[in-house]
Structure formats: structure tokens, C-alpha cells
């Protein structure tokens, strides 16, 4: 699995959400347990799953990868 430098991952997060997540703050769900399920509608090739997992883990989220890139 590809591992990206921490500075690159932080820059992605900063570009995506430079301030606070207003939706999360507004709904008051910042401390609630959630689940993300990414499921394709059709067959395809998985790409970027390693970096996606690193981004989640950087923010304290446990990940479970069920497919491989490529």
C-alpha cells in the first residue's frame, strides 16, 4: 500500500476544510460514532484507497480496507 508524506496529507485536509466542518458543528455530531461505507454501483477498479485510509487514520478514525488498489 502506498504511504503518502504527512505534509501532503495535511495539505489535502487543509484544502478541503481550511476552517471547521460547519455541517458537523451545526448538527452537533462531532463526537458521535459514525460509519463510512463506500460501495460501487458497478464493477470497476479501486484507486486511492490507501491514501483515503491514511486521511481517515490521521484524524483518529479506524479503517478496514476490504479491497486493494488496482
N, C-alpha and C. Protein backbone atom coordinates (compact mmCIF):
# COMPACT_ATOMS: atom_id res chain seq x y z
N UNK A 1 0.84 -1.17 0.00
CA UNK A 1 0.00 0.00 0.00
C UNK A 1 0.89 1.25 0.00
N UNK A 2 0.53 2.22 -0.81
CA UNK A 2 1.25 3.47 -0.90
C UNK A 2 1.07 4.30 0.37
N UNK A 3 2.14 4.87 0.87
CA UNK A 3 2.05 5.75 2.02
C UNK A 3 2.50 7.14 1.60
N UNK A 4 1.64 8.11 1.78
CA UNK A 4 1.93 9.49 1.40
C UNK A 4 2.58 10.23 2.56
N UNK A 5 3.42 11.22 2.25
CA UNK A 5 4.04 12.01 3.32
C UNK A 5 2.98 12.77 4.12
N UNK A 6 3.23 12.93 5.41
CA UNK A 6 2.30 13.62 6.30
C UNK A 6 1.98 15.03 5.79
N UNK A 7 2.98 15.73 5.27
CA UNK A 7 2.77 17.10 4.79
C UNK A 7 1.77 17.12 3.63
N UNK A 8 1.82 16.10 2.76
CA UNK A 8 0.88 16.00 1.64
C UNK A 8 -0.54 15.76 2.15
N UNK A 9 -0.67 14.84 3.09
CA UNK A 9 -2.00 14.53 3.65
C UNK A 9 -2.60 15.74 4.35
N UNK A 10 -1.78 16.43 5.14
CA UNK A 10 -2.26 17.63 5.83
C UNK A 10 -2.69 18.70 4.83
N UNK A 11 -1.96 18.82 3.71
CA UNK A 11 -2.34 19.83 2.71
C UNK A 11 -3.67 19.47 2.06
N UNK A 12 -3.93 18.19 1.84
CA UNK A 12 -5.22 17.77 1.29
C UNK A 12 -6.35 18.13 2.24
N UNK A 13 -6.16 17.84 3.52
CA UNK A 13 -7.19 18.16 4.51
C UNK A 13 -7.39 19.66 4.64
N UNK A 14 -6.31 20.41 4.59
CA UNK A 14 -6.39 21.86 4.70
C UNK A 14 -7.12 22.46 3.49
N UNK A 15 -6.85 21.95 2.30
CA UNK A 15 -7.54 22.42 1.10
C UNK A 15 -9.02 22.11 1.14
N UNK A 16 -9.36 20.94 1.65
CA UNK A 16 -10.76 20.50 1.67
C UNK A 16 -11.57 21.23 2.74
N UNK A 17 -10.96 21.43 3.88
CA UNK A 17 -11.70 22.01 5.00
C UNK A 17 -10.76 22.93 5.79
N UNK A 18 -10.49 24.14 5.25
CA UNK A 18 -9.50 25.01 5.89
C UNK A 18 -9.94 25.57 7.24
N UNK A 19 -11.21 25.57 7.51
CA UNK A 19 -11.70 26.12 8.76
C UNK A 19 -12.31 24.97 9.57
N UNK A 20 -13.53 25.08 9.95
CA UNK A 20 -14.19 23.99 10.67
C UNK A 20 -15.20 23.34 9.73
N UNK A 21 -15.62 22.16 10.07
CA UNK A 21 -16.68 21.48 9.32
C UNK A 21 -18.01 22.02 9.85
N UNK A 22 -18.58 22.98 9.14
CA UNK A 22 -19.78 23.66 9.63
C UNK A 22 -20.98 22.73 9.75
N UNK A 23 -21.08 21.75 8.85
CA UNK A 23 -22.20 20.81 8.94
C UNK A 23 -22.11 20.00 10.23
N UNK A 24 -20.93 19.46 10.51
CA UNK A 24 -20.73 18.68 11.73
C UNK A 24 -20.99 19.53 12.97
N UNK A 25 -20.46 20.74 12.97
CA UNK A 25 -20.66 21.64 14.10
C UNK A 25 -22.13 22.00 14.27
N UNK A 26 -22.79 22.34 13.16
CA UNK A 26 -24.19 22.75 13.21
C UNK A 26 -25.12 21.65 13.69
N UNK A 27 -24.82 20.42 13.30
CA UNK A 27 -25.66 19.29 13.71
C UNK A 27 -25.28 18.75 15.10
N UNK A 28 -24.13 19.20 15.62
CA UNK A 28 -23.69 18.75 16.94
C UNK A 28 -23.33 17.27 16.98
N UNK A 29 -22.76 16.75 15.88
CA UNK A 29 -22.47 15.32 15.81
C UNK A 29 -20.97 15.02 15.83
N UNK A 30 -20.16 16.00 16.21
CA UNK A 30 -18.71 15.84 16.16
C UNK A 30 -18.15 14.71 17.00
N UNK A 31 -18.80 14.37 18.07
CA UNK A 31 -18.30 13.31 18.97
C UNK A 31 -19.05 12.00 18.79
N UNK A 32 -19.97 11.92 17.85
CA UNK A 32 -20.75 10.70 17.66
C UNK A 32 -19.99 9.70 16.80
N UNK A 33 -20.22 8.44 17.04
CA UNK A 33 -19.61 7.38 16.25
C UNK A 33 -20.36 7.29 14.92
N UNK A 34 -19.61 7.20 13.85
CA UNK A 34 -20.22 7.10 12.52
C UNK A 34 -19.57 5.98 11.73
N UNK A 35 -20.07 5.77 10.55
CA UNK A 35 -19.55 4.73 9.67
C UNK A 35 -19.59 5.23 8.24
N UNK A 36 -18.52 4.97 7.51
CA UNK A 36 -18.46 5.30 6.09
C UNK A 36 -18.39 3.99 5.33
N UNK A 37 -19.30 3.81 4.42
CA UNK A 37 -19.28 2.63 3.56
C UNK A 37 -19.23 3.12 2.12
N UNK A 38 -18.21 2.74 1.41
CA UNK A 38 -18.07 3.12 0.01
C UNK A 38 -18.30 1.86 -0.83
N UNK A 39 -19.39 1.84 -1.56
CA UNK A 39 -19.74 0.66 -2.35
C UNK A 39 -20.04 1.10 -3.79
N UNK A 40 -19.38 0.49 -4.76
CA UNK A 40 -19.62 0.87 -6.16
C UNK A 40 -20.98 0.39 -6.66
N UNK A 41 -21.51 1.11 -7.63
CA UNK A 41 -22.76 0.70 -8.28
C UNK A 41 -22.51 -0.29 -9.40
N UNK A 42 -21.27 -0.35 -9.85
CA UNK A 42 -20.90 -1.25 -10.95
C UNK A 42 -19.46 -1.71 -10.74
N UNK A 43 -19.05 -2.72 -11.47
CA UNK A 43 -17.67 -3.19 -11.38
C UNK A 43 -16.71 -2.10 -11.81
N UNK A 44 -15.53 -2.08 -11.20
CA UNK A 44 -14.54 -1.08 -11.55
C UNK A 44 -13.21 -1.39 -10.89
N UNK A 45 -12.33 -0.44 -10.93
CA UNK A 45 -11.01 -0.57 -10.34
C UNK A 45 -10.91 0.39 -9.17
N UNK A 46 -10.46 -0.10 -8.05
CA UNK A 46 -10.29 0.74 -6.86
C UNK A 46 -9.00 1.52 -7.02
N UNK A 47 -9.05 2.83 -6.74
CA UNK A 47 -7.84 3.66 -6.81
C UNK A 47 -7.84 4.64 -5.65
N UNK A 48 -6.71 4.77 -5.00
CA UNK A 48 -6.55 5.75 -3.93
C UNK A 48 -7.02 5.30 -2.57
N UNK A 49 -7.29 4.02 -2.41
CA UNK A 49 -7.84 3.54 -1.14
C UNK A 49 -6.83 3.69 0.01
N UNK A 50 -5.55 3.53 -0.29
CA UNK A 50 -4.53 3.66 0.74
C UNK A 50 -4.43 5.07 1.29
N UNK A 51 -4.45 6.06 0.39
CA UNK A 51 -4.38 7.44 0.82
C UNK A 51 -5.66 7.83 1.56
N UNK A 52 -6.80 7.34 1.09
CA UNK A 52 -8.06 7.62 1.79
C UNK A 52 -7.99 7.09 3.22
N UNK A 53 -7.48 5.88 3.38
CA UNK A 53 -7.36 5.29 4.72
C UNK A 53 -6.41 6.12 5.59
N UNK A 54 -5.29 6.57 5.00
CA UNK A 54 -4.35 7.40 5.75
C UNK A 54 -5.00 8.70 6.21
N UNK A 55 -5.83 9.31 5.37
CA UNK A 55 -6.51 10.55 5.74
C UNK A 55 -7.44 10.33 6.92
N UNK A 56 -8.20 9.25 6.86
CA UNK A 56 -9.09 8.93 7.98
C UNK A 56 -8.29 8.67 9.25
N UNK A 57 -7.25 7.87 9.14
CA UNK A 57 -6.45 7.49 10.31
C UNK A 57 -5.74 8.70 10.91
N UNK A 58 -5.37 9.66 10.07
CA UNK A 58 -4.72 10.88 10.54
C UNK A 58 -5.62 11.65 11.49
N UNK A 59 -6.91 11.49 11.33
CA UNK A 59 -7.88 12.16 12.19
C UNK A 59 -8.48 11.23 13.24
N UNK A 60 -7.83 10.08 13.46
CA UNK A 60 -8.23 9.20 14.55
C UNK A 60 -9.31 8.20 14.22
N UNK A 61 -9.57 8.00 12.95
CA UNK A 61 -10.62 7.07 12.54
C UNK A 61 -10.00 5.71 12.23
N UNK A 62 -10.60 4.65 12.75
CA UNK A 62 -10.14 3.30 12.42
C UNK A 62 -10.65 2.95 11.03
N UNK A 63 -9.82 2.27 10.26
CA UNK A 63 -10.23 1.88 8.91
C UNK A 63 -10.11 0.37 8.74
N UNK A 64 -10.91 -0.15 7.85
CA UNK A 64 -10.84 -1.56 7.49
C UNK A 64 -10.97 -1.61 5.97
N UNK A 65 -9.88 -1.97 5.31
CA UNK A 65 -9.85 -1.99 3.85
C UNK A 65 -10.22 -3.40 3.38
N UNK A 66 -11.20 -3.48 2.51
CA UNK A 66 -11.68 -4.77 2.02
C UNK A 66 -11.35 -5.00 0.55
N UNK A 67 -10.58 -4.09 -0.05
CA UNK A 67 -10.18 -4.24 -1.45
C UNK A 67 -8.77 -3.68 -1.59
N UNK A 68 -8.14 -3.98 -2.73
CA UNK A 68 -6.80 -3.48 -2.99
C UNK A 68 -6.82 -2.52 -4.16
N UNK A 69 -5.89 -1.55 -4.16
CA UNK A 69 -5.77 -0.65 -5.30
C UNK A 69 -5.42 -1.45 -6.56
N UNK A 70 -5.98 -1.00 -7.66
CA UNK A 70 -5.60 -1.57 -8.95
C UNK A 70 -6.33 -2.81 -9.31
